[in-house]
Amino acid sequence: MFTVVVMYPAGGKFDLGYYMKTHMPLVDARWRGLGLKDWTVTKINGAPNGAPTYQVITTLTFDSGESFQKAVAAHGPEVMGDIPNFTDVQAVMQLGEPVAA
């Protein structure tokens, strides 16, 4: 398994309705057949010691790092091209492997 964590910093525009109704269905439709297994979206409401660092965090689970690379190669421009439709912030992306659940 391979995870892609996409974190959208707090403070900028973020249209959660568009993200959930349009962007994530696009991601699912384009990448599901290329190794995407599951995804979750978390809306961050607060942090223990002040304002949250991120407003939305999305976790994508793929079969492997190679399947993620193939998905991006096949449909990355379309998926990434949709980003300005829901946010004006630069997302932070982290790649990894689950070690426990």
Protein backbone atom coordinates (compact mmCIF):
# COMPACT_ATOMS: atom_id res chain seq x y z
CA MET A 1 0.00 0.00 0.00
CA PHE A 2 1.02 3.59 -0.66
CA THR A 3 -0.50 6.81 0.66
CA VAL A 4 -0.60 10.33 -0.69
CA VAL A 5 -1.52 12.97 1.88
CA VAL A 6 -2.56 16.33 0.45
CA MET A 7 -2.79 19.16 3.00
CA TYR A 8 -4.35 22.51 2.13
CA PRO A 9 -3.02 25.32 4.36
CA ALA A 10 -5.47 27.40 6.37
CA GLY A 11 -6.05 30.99 5.48
CA GLY A 12 -6.94 30.92 1.81
CA LYS A 13 -10.01 30.24 -0.27
CA PHE A 14 -11.29 26.66 -0.22
CA ASP A 15 -14.66 25.67 -1.71
CA LEU A 16 -15.39 22.42 0.13
CA GLY A 17 -18.68 21.92 -1.73
CA TYR A 18 -16.94 22.01 -5.12
CA TYR A 19 -14.13 19.83 -3.80
CA MET A 20 -16.52 17.11 -2.62
CA LYS A 21 -19.03 17.28 -5.49
CA THR A 22 -16.69 17.83 -8.43
CA HIS A 23 -12.97 17.47 -7.71
CA MET A 24 -12.92 14.28 -5.67
CA PRO A 25 -15.33 12.48 -8.03
CA LEU A 26 -12.95 13.51 -10.86
CA VAL A 27 -9.98 12.09 -8.94
CA ASP A 28 -11.89 8.89 -8.24
CA ALA A 29 -13.07 8.47 -11.85
CA ARG A 30 -9.63 9.04 -13.37
CA TRP A 31 -7.42 7.23 -10.85
CA ARG A 32 -9.60 4.37 -9.50
CA GLY A 33 -8.74 2.06 -12.41
CA LEU A 34 -5.06 2.94 -12.13
CA GLY A 35 -4.51 1.79 -8.55
CA LEU A 36 -6.47 4.22 -6.35
CA LYS A 37 -8.07 2.08 -3.64
CA ASP A 38 -9.63 4.59 -1.27
CA TRP A 39 -9.67 8.23 -0.22
CA THR A 40 -10.76 10.29 2.76
CA VAL A 41 -11.25 14.02 3.20
CA THR A 42 -10.95 15.63 6.63
CA LYS A 43 -12.15 19.19 7.26
CA ILE A 44 -9.99 20.62 10.05
CA ASN A 45 -12.02 22.62 12.58
CA GLY A 46 -9.35 23.54 15.10
CA ALA A 47 -6.08 22.72 16.79
CA PRO A 48 -5.27 22.17 20.49
CA ASN A 49 -2.90 25.15 20.72
CA GLY A 50 -4.48 27.78 18.50
CA ALA A 51 -5.44 28.09 14.88
CA PRO A 52 -5.10 25.02 12.66
CA THR A 53 -2.23 24.82 10.18
CA TYR A 54 -4.40 23.18 7.51
CA GLN A 55 -8.05 23.56 6.56
CA VAL A 56 -8.50 20.30 4.64
CA ILE A 57 -6.43 17.11 4.56
CA THR A 58 -7.05 14.41 1.96
CA THR A 59 -5.52 10.95 2.09
CA LEU A 60 -5.39 8.84 -1.07
CA THR A 61 -4.51 5.15 -0.83
CA PHE A 62 -2.94 3.41 -3.83
CA ASP A 63 -1.76 -0.12 -4.53
CA SER A 64 1.83 1.14 -4.82
CA GLY A 65 3.98 4.15 -5.50
CA GLU A 66 4.25 2.98 -9.09
CA SER A 67 0.48 2.98 -9.53
CA PHE A 68 0.35 6.54 -8.15
CA GLN A 69 3.00 7.60 -10.65
CA LYS A 70 1.06 5.96 -13.50
CA ALA A 71 -2.17 7.66 -12.43
CA VAL A 72 -0.47 11.07 -12.37
CA ALA A 73 1.19 10.42 -15.73
CA ALA A 74 -2.15 9.46 -17.28
CA HIS A 75 -4.45 12.13 -15.80
CA GLY A 76 -2.33 14.49 -13.70
CA PRO A 77 -2.79 17.56 -15.90
CA GLU A 78 -6.59 17.21 -15.81
CA VAL A 79 -6.75 16.57 -12.06
CA MET A 80 -4.20 19.26 -11.17
CA GLY A 81 -5.77 21.68 -13.65
CA ASP A 82 -8.99 21.60 -11.62
CA ILE A 83 -7.29 22.88 -8.44
CA PRO A 84 -7.82 26.62 -9.14
CA ASN A 85 -11.57 25.94 -9.26
CA PHE A 86 -11.70 25.25 -5.51
CA THR A 87 -8.65 26.85 -3.85
CA ASP A 88 -6.04 29.58 -4.12
CA VAL A 89 -3.59 27.96 -1.68
CA GLN A 90 -0.57 25.80 -2.52
CA ALA A 91 -1.16 22.29 -1.20
CA VAL A 92 1.52 20.38 0.67
CA MET A 93 1.86 16.77 -0.54
CA GLN A 94 3.46 13.95 1.42
CA LEU A 95 4.06 10.42 0.11
CA GLY A 96 4.42 7.36 2.32
CA GLU A 97 3.68 3.79 3.29
CA PRO A 98 1.35 2.74 6.11
CA VAL A 99 3.23 0.92 8.87
CA ALA A 100 0.33 0.21 11.26
CA ALA A 101 -3.45 0.46 11.45
